[in-house]
Amino acid sequence: MSRRIALAMAVVIGTGLWSSPAVWAQDPIHKMGRGVVNLLTSWIEIPKNMHLGLLEEQPLFGLGRGVIKGLGLTALRAGVGVYEAITFPIPAPRGYASPYEHMELADYAWE
């Protein structure tokens, strides 16, 4: 049993040393940090979208739309933040910089 564990550890460590950091789309620390920050600051989407709604041609309609959009984006950003914080040791596929790039979200709420 201990031989199998030692062999598995050697394979994992050897694979980690053999693969270059360029294989990872980003380092795990950046992925975890972005996930935790987005989880903690996801609420910023609500006032941000309310403000953007007030700048529209019809401010009252824009305000209501901003609240609804902000709530949806808050849930989305928090969900992706949890996903990134949990899966930070798993490398993203090559050429895949961020799970946010195909959504309506920037990497961080204040961007």
C-alpha atoms as a PDB file:
ATOM      1  CA  MET A   1       0.000   0.000   0.000  1.00  0.00           C
ATOM      2  CA  SER A   2       2.726   2.498   0.918  1.00  0.00           C
ATOM      3  CA  ARG A   3       4.597   1.602  -2.302  1.00  0.00           C
ATOM      4  CA  ARG A   4       1.544   2.607  -4.337  1.00  0.00           C
ATOM      5  CA  ILE A   5       1.238   5.892  -2.500  1.00  0.00           C
ATOM      6  CA  ALA A   6       4.941   6.611  -2.970  1.00  0.00           C
ATOM      7  CA  LEU A   7       4.697   5.769  -6.681  1.00  0.00           C
ATOM      8  CA  ALA A   8       1.620   7.987  -7.107  1.00  0.00           C
ATOM      9  CA  MET A   9       3.372  10.861  -5.346  1.00  0.00           C
ATOM     10  CA  ALA A  10       6.479  10.407  -7.514  1.00  0.00           C
ATOM     11  CA  VAL A  11       4.356  10.506 -10.673  1.00  0.00           C
ATOM     12  CA  VAL A  12       2.517  13.639  -9.549  1.00  0.00           C
ATOM     13  CA  ILE A  13       5.714  15.437  -8.530  1.00  0.00           C
ATOM     14  CA  GLY A  14       7.532  14.308 -11.665  1.00  0.00           C
ATOM     15  CA  THR A  15       4.723  15.497 -13.885  1.00  0.00           C
ATOM     16  CA  GLY A  16       4.661  18.850 -12.093  1.00  0.00           C
ATOM     17  CA  LEU A  17       8.404  19.310 -12.561  1.00  0.00           C
ATOM     18  CA  TRP A  18       8.326  18.147 -16.165  1.00  0.00           C
ATOM     19  CA  SER A  19       5.554  20.492 -17.312  1.00  0.00           C
ATOM     20  CA  SER A  20       6.483  24.104 -17.703  1.00  0.00           C
ATOM     21  CA  PRO A  21       4.472  26.974 -16.212  1.00  0.00           C
ATOM     22  CA  ALA A  22       3.607  28.054 -19.778  1.00  0.00           C
ATOM     23  CA  VAL A  23       1.293  25.039 -19.973  1.00  0.00           C
ATOM     24  CA  TRP A  24      -0.940  26.650 -17.374  1.00  0.00           C
ATOM     25  CA  ALA A  25      -3.024  29.548 -18.597  1.00  0.00           C
ATOM     26  CA  GLN A  26      -2.317  31.200 -15.256  1.00  0.00           C
ATOM     27  CA  ASP A  27      -0.735  30.315 -11.965  1.00  0.00           C
ATOM     28  CA  PRO A  28      -2.879  28.723  -9.239  1.00  0.00           C
ATOM     29  CA  ILE A  29      -2.258  31.532  -6.746  1.00  0.00           C
ATOM     30  CA  HIS A  30      -3.681  34.105  -9.180  1.00  0.00           C
ATOM     31  CA  LYS A  31      -6.663  31.849  -9.861  1.00  0.00           C
ATOM     32  CA  MET A  32      -7.386  31.351  -6.149  1.00  0.00           C
ATOM     33  CA  GLY A  33      -6.900  35.033  -5.347  1.00  0.00           C
ATOM     34  CA  ARG A  34      -9.231  36.139  -8.120  1.00  0.00           C
ATOM     35  CA  GLY A  35     -11.837  33.614  -6.990  1.00  0.00           C
ATOM     36  CA  VAL A  36     -11.737  34.728  -3.353  1.00  0.00           C
ATOM     37  CA  VAL A  37     -11.760  38.429  -4.275  1.00  0.00           C
ATOM     38  CA  ASN A  38     -14.721  37.933  -6.614  1.00  0.00           C
ATOM     39  CA  LEU A  39     -16.602  35.966  -3.989  1.00  0.00           C
ATOM     40  CA  LEU A  40     -16.090  38.724  -1.413  1.00  0.00           C
ATOM     41  CA  THR A  41     -16.757  41.655  -3.766  1.00  0.00           C
ATOM     42  CA  SER A  42     -19.528  40.237  -5.943  1.00  0.00           C
ATOM     43  CA  TRP A  43     -22.024  42.586  -4.256  1.00  0.00           C
ATOM     44  CA  ILE A  44     -20.357  45.523  -6.058  1.00  0.00           C
ATOM     45  CA  GLU A  45     -22.253  44.500  -9.206  1.00  0.00           C
ATOM     46  CA  ILE A  46     -25.537  45.818  -7.728  1.00  0.00           C
ATOM     47  CA  PRO A  47     -24.572  49.483  -7.115  1.00  0.00           C
ATOM     48  CA  LYS A  48     -22.388  49.488 -10.245  1.00  0.00           C
ATOM     49  CA  ASN A  49     -25.276  48.417 -12.488  1.00  0.00           C
ATOM     50  CA  MET A  50     -27.689  50.754 -10.690  1.00  0.00           C
ATOM     51  CA  HIS A  51     -25.341  53.643 -11.481  1.00  0.00           C
ATOM     52  CA  LEU A  52     -24.994  52.537 -15.110  1.00  0.00           C
ATOM     53  CA  GLY A  53     -28.795  52.293 -15.307  1.00  0.00           C
ATOM     54  CA  LEU A  54     -29.195  55.855 -14.042  1.00  0.00           C
ATOM     55  CA  LEU A  55     -26.998  57.054 -16.895  1.00  0.00           C
ATOM     56  CA  GLU A  56     -29.408  55.641 -19.494  1.00  0.00           C
ATOM     57  CA  GLU A  57     -31.954  57.720 -21.405  1.00  0.00           C
ATOM     58  CA  GLN A  58     -34.772  56.729 -19.018  1.00  0.00           C
ATOM     59  CA  PRO A  59     -33.140  56.738 -15.556  1.00  0.00           C
ATOM     60  CA  LEU A  60     -36.040  55.202 -13.622  1.00  0.00           C
ATOM     61  CA  PHE A  61     -36.305  52.259 -16.015  1.00  0.00           C
ATOM     62  CA  GLY A  62     -32.513  51.987 -16.049  1.00  0.00           C
ATOM     63  CA  LEU A  63     -32.396  51.919 -12.248  1.00  0.00           C
ATOM     64  CA  GLY A  64     -34.843  49.007 -12.084  1.00  0.00           C
ATOM     65  CA  ARG A  65     -33.014  47.181 -14.843  1.00  0.00           C
ATOM     66  CA  GLY A  66     -29.701  47.863 -13.078  1.00  0.00           C
ATOM     67  CA  VAL A  67     -30.948  46.294  -9.837  1.00  0.00           C
ATOM     68  CA  ILE A  68     -32.146  43.149 -11.620  1.00  0.00           C
ATOM     69  CA  LYS A  69     -29.009  42.885 -13.759  1.00  0.00           C
ATOM     70  CA  GLY A  70     -26.806  43.563 -10.714  1.00  0.00           C
ATOM     71  CA  LEU A  71     -28.464  40.791  -8.705  1.00  0.00           C
ATOM     72  CA  GLY A  72     -27.960  38.338 -11.554  1.00  0.00           C
ATOM     73  CA  LEU A  73     -24.327  39.310 -12.089  1.00  0.00           C
ATOM     74  CA  THR A  74     -23.704  39.158  -8.328  1.00  0.00           C
ATOM     75  CA  ALA A  75     -24.885  35.542  -8.246  1.00  0.00           C
ATOM     76  CA  LEU A  76     -22.865  34.715 -11.370  1.00  0.00           C
ATOM     77  CA  ARG A  77     -19.674  36.354 -10.094  1.00  0.00           C
ATOM     78  CA  ALA A  78     -20.006  34.712  -6.664  1.00  0.00           C
ATOM     79  CA  GLY A  79     -20.585  31.308  -8.267  1.00  0.00           C
ATOM     80  CA  VAL A  80     -17.560  31.580 -10.538  1.00  0.00           C
ATOM     81  CA  GLY A  81     -15.538  32.897  -7.585  1.00  0.00           C
ATOM     82  CA  VAL A  82     -16.408  29.812  -5.535  1.00  0.00           C
ATOM     83  CA  TYR A  83     -15.539  27.592  -8.507  1.00  0.00           C
ATOM     84  CA  GLU A  84     -12.153  29.263  -8.970  1.00  0.00           C
ATOM     85  CA  ALA A  85     -11.326  29.234  -5.253  1.00  0.00           C
ATOM     86  CA  ILE A  86     -12.091  25.512  -4.998  1.00  0.00           C
ATOM     87  CA  THR A  87     -10.436  24.405  -8.251  1.00  0.00           C
ATOM     88  CA  PHE A  88      -7.341  26.610  -8.041  1.00  0.00           C
ATOM     89  CA  PRO A  89      -4.857  23.677  -8.095  1.00  0.00           C
ATOM     90  CA  ILE A  90      -6.355  22.335 -11.331  1.00  0.00           C
ATOM     91  CA  PRO A  91      -4.770  24.058 -14.322  1.00  0.00           C
ATOM     92  CA  ALA A  92      -7.016  25.727 -16.857  1.00  0.00           C
ATOM     93  CA  PRO A  93      -6.822  24.454 -20.441  1.00  0.00           C
ATOM     94  CA  ARG A  94      -4.175  25.952 -22.696  1.00  0.00           C
ATOM     95  CA  GLY A  95      -5.235  29.265 -24.209  1.00  0.00           C
ATOM     96  CA  TYR A  96      -7.958  29.733 -21.589  1.00  0.00           C
ATOM     97  CA  ALA A  97      -7.093  32.813 -19.575  1.00  0.00           C
ATOM     98  CA  SER A  98     -10.223  33.366 -17.534  1.00  0.00           C
ATOM     99  CA  PRO A  99     -13.687  31.884 -17.035  1.00  0.00           C
ATOM    100  CA  TYR A 100     -14.978  35.447 -17.194  1.00  0.00           C
ATOM    101  CA  GLU A 101     -13.794  36.157 -20.742  1.00  0.00           C
ATOM    102  CA  HIS A 102     -16.825  34.525 -22.441  1.00  0.00           C
ATOM    103  CA  MET A 103     -19.337  36.152 -20.077  1.00  0.00           C
ATOM    104  CA  GLU A 104     -20.415  39.735 -19.615  1.00  0.00           C
ATOM    105  CA  LEU A 105     -17.966  40.047 -16.729  1.00  0.00           C
ATOM    106  CA  ALA A 106     -14.533  41.562 -16.339  1.00  0.00           C
ATOM    107  CA  ASP A 107     -12.068  39.692 -14.139  1.00  0.00           C
ATOM    108  CA  TYR A 108     -12.983  41.877 -11.164  1.00  0.00           C
ATOM    109  CA  ALA A 109     -16.219  43.692 -10.248  1.00  0.00           C
ATOM    110  CA  TRP A 110     -14.699  47.182 -10.240  1.00  0.00           C
ATOM    111  CA  GLU A 111     -13.366  46.961 -13.799  1.00  0.00           C
END
